[in-house]
Protein backbone atom coordinates (compact mmCIF):
# COMPACT_ATOMS: atom_id res chain seq x y z
CA MET A 1 5.97 -3.67 -20.49
CA VAL A 2 9.09 -2.47 -19.13
CA LYS A 3 9.93 -4.38 -15.31
CA HIS A 4 11.20 -2.08 -12.70
CA ILE A 5 13.20 -3.90 -10.21
CA ILE A 6 12.21 -2.83 -6.50
CA GLY A 7 13.27 -4.18 -2.92
CA LEU A 8 11.21 -5.61 0.13
CA VAL A 9 11.29 -2.10 1.55
CA GLU A 10 10.89 0.83 -0.57
CA PRO A 11 10.09 4.46 -0.81
CA VAL A 12 6.84 5.63 -2.10
CA LYS A 13 5.10 8.86 -2.18
CA VAL A 14 1.47 8.99 -1.19
CA MET A 15 -0.28 12.04 -2.11
CA ASN A 16 3.37 13.72 -2.34
CA LYS A 17 4.39 12.68 1.04
CA LYS A 18 7.22 10.43 1.50
CA PHE A 19 7.16 6.97 3.29
CA LEU A 20 8.63 3.79 3.56
CA ALA A 21 6.47 1.21 2.21
CA LYS A 22 6.94 -2.67 3.24
CA VAL A 23 6.30 -4.68 -0.48
CA ASP A 24 4.69 -7.80 0.66
CA THR A 25 4.09 -10.40 -2.42
CA GLY A 26 1.77 -12.28 -0.47
CA ALA A 27 -0.60 -9.38 0.40
CA LYS A 28 -3.12 -9.12 -1.88
CA ARG A 29 -4.42 -5.64 -1.58
CA ASN A 30 -2.35 -2.44 -0.71
CA SER A 31 -2.57 -1.20 3.28
CA ILE A 32 -1.96 2.15 4.65
CA ASP A 33 -2.60 3.01 8.67
CA LEU A 34 -5.71 5.14 9.75
CA SER A 35 -3.68 8.09 11.30
CA ILE A 36 -1.82 8.63 7.73
CA ALA A 37 -5.14 7.59 5.64
CA LYS A 38 -6.32 10.69 8.03
CA LYS A 39 -3.41 12.81 7.97
CA LEU A 40 -3.46 13.23 3.99
CA GLY A 41 -7.35 13.23 4.35
CA LEU A 42 -7.65 9.85 2.48
CA THR A 43 -10.56 9.03 4.82
CA ARG A 44 -12.71 11.53 2.92
CA SER A 45 -12.76 9.75 -0.52
CA LEU A 46 -14.03 5.90 0.86
CA TRP A 47 -14.43 3.82 -2.01
CA GLY A 48 -16.22 0.61 -0.63
CA ILE A 49 -15.85 -1.79 2.18
CA ARG A 50 -13.35 -5.37 1.13
CA LYS A 51 -13.02 -8.38 3.51
CA VAL A 52 -9.67 -8.95 4.26
CA LYS A 53 -7.66 -12.13 5.23
CA SER A 54 -5.05 -11.39 7.64
CA ALA A 55 -2.72 -13.23 10.34
CA ASN A 56 -5.04 -11.77 12.70
CA GLY A 57 -7.94 -13.32 11.10
CA GLU A 58 -10.36 -11.66 8.94
CA GLU A 59 -12.00 -8.16 9.03
CA TYR A 60 -13.93 -5.58 6.70
CA ARG A 61 -11.92 -2.61 6.44
CA PRO A 62 -13.35 0.53 4.38
CA VAL A 63 -11.29 0.94 1.03
CA ILE A 64 -10.40 4.37 -0.15
CA LYS A 65 -8.26 5.27 -3.60
CA ALA A 66 -5.07 7.56 -3.73
CA LYS A 67 -1.81 8.19 -6.63
CA ILE A 68 1.17 6.59 -5.08
CA LYS A 69 4.77 6.88 -6.56
CA ILE A 70 6.65 4.19 -6.53
CA GLY A 71 10.72 4.92 -8.10
CA HIS A 72 9.57 7.34 -11.26
CA ARG A 73 5.92 5.48 -11.49
CA ASN A 74 2.51 7.16 -10.28
CA ILE A 75 0.14 5.02 -9.98
CA PRO A 76 -3.70 5.13 -9.25
CA THR A 77 -4.68 2.63 -6.69
CA THR A 78 -6.47 0.98 -3.67
CA PHE A 79 -5.93 0.90 -0.24
CA THR A 80 -7.72 -1.10 3.07
CA VAL A 81 -6.76 0.89 5.72
CA THR A 82 -6.26 -0.55 9.03
CA ARG A 83 -4.39 0.48 12.09
CA ARG A 84 -0.59 -0.78 11.50
CA GLU A 85 0.62 1.42 14.34
CA ASN A 86 2.55 -1.13 16.29
CA LEU A 87 4.03 -2.47 13.35
CA LYS A 88 7.65 -0.67 11.52
CA HIS A 89 5.90 0.16 7.79
CA LYS A 90 2.87 1.44 7.97
CA ILE A 91 2.15 0.92 4.76
CA LEU A 92 2.36 -2.25 3.02
CA ILE A 93 2.18 -2.56 -1.11
CA GLY A 94 0.52 -5.83 -2.42
CA THR A 95 0.47 -7.58 -5.20
CA ASN A 96 -2.29 -5.31 -7.14
CA THR A 97 0.08 -2.66 -7.00
CA LEU A 98 3.11 -5.08 -7.79
CA LYS A 99 1.26 -7.18 -10.97
CA ARG A 100 1.85 -3.60 -12.63
CA GLY A 101 5.04 -3.91 -13.77
CA PHE A 102 7.38 -4.44 -10.94
CA ILE A 103 9.83 -6.97 -10.12
CA VAL A 104 10.73 -7.50 -5.99
CA ASP A 105 14.37 -8.10 -5.48
CA ILE A 106 15.11 -9.44 -1.87
CA ALA A 107 18.53 -8.69 -1.75
CA ARG A 108 17.87 -5.08 -2.41
C-alpha cells in the first residue's frame, strides 16, 4: 500500500466542498461540526450513535457517513457530529481515516 504524507492541517473535500481539517493522531474517529453537517445535508443519513471520550468528558454523538477527499484519495468514512463552532477547524480527521494509508508529517 502506498502511503500518502499529510500535515497537521490538511485541505479536504467533504461532499465536494473544500475545508481545512485538523489531523489528530490521538483521536479515534473523525468529527464534523453540526452546522457543516446540516449545510451538506449529512444529518439526514444518520448511521448510528457512538459514545465518545473527549477533553470535555464522555458524550453520545450521532454518526454519519460521508465521502471525503484527502489529496487525490476519495475515502468513504464516518464522522461523529458535534458542536465545533468555538474551534478553529470545524473538521477533525482521526485514526479511523489515517490508518487507511496516511503518514502525518508534523513539519509539513
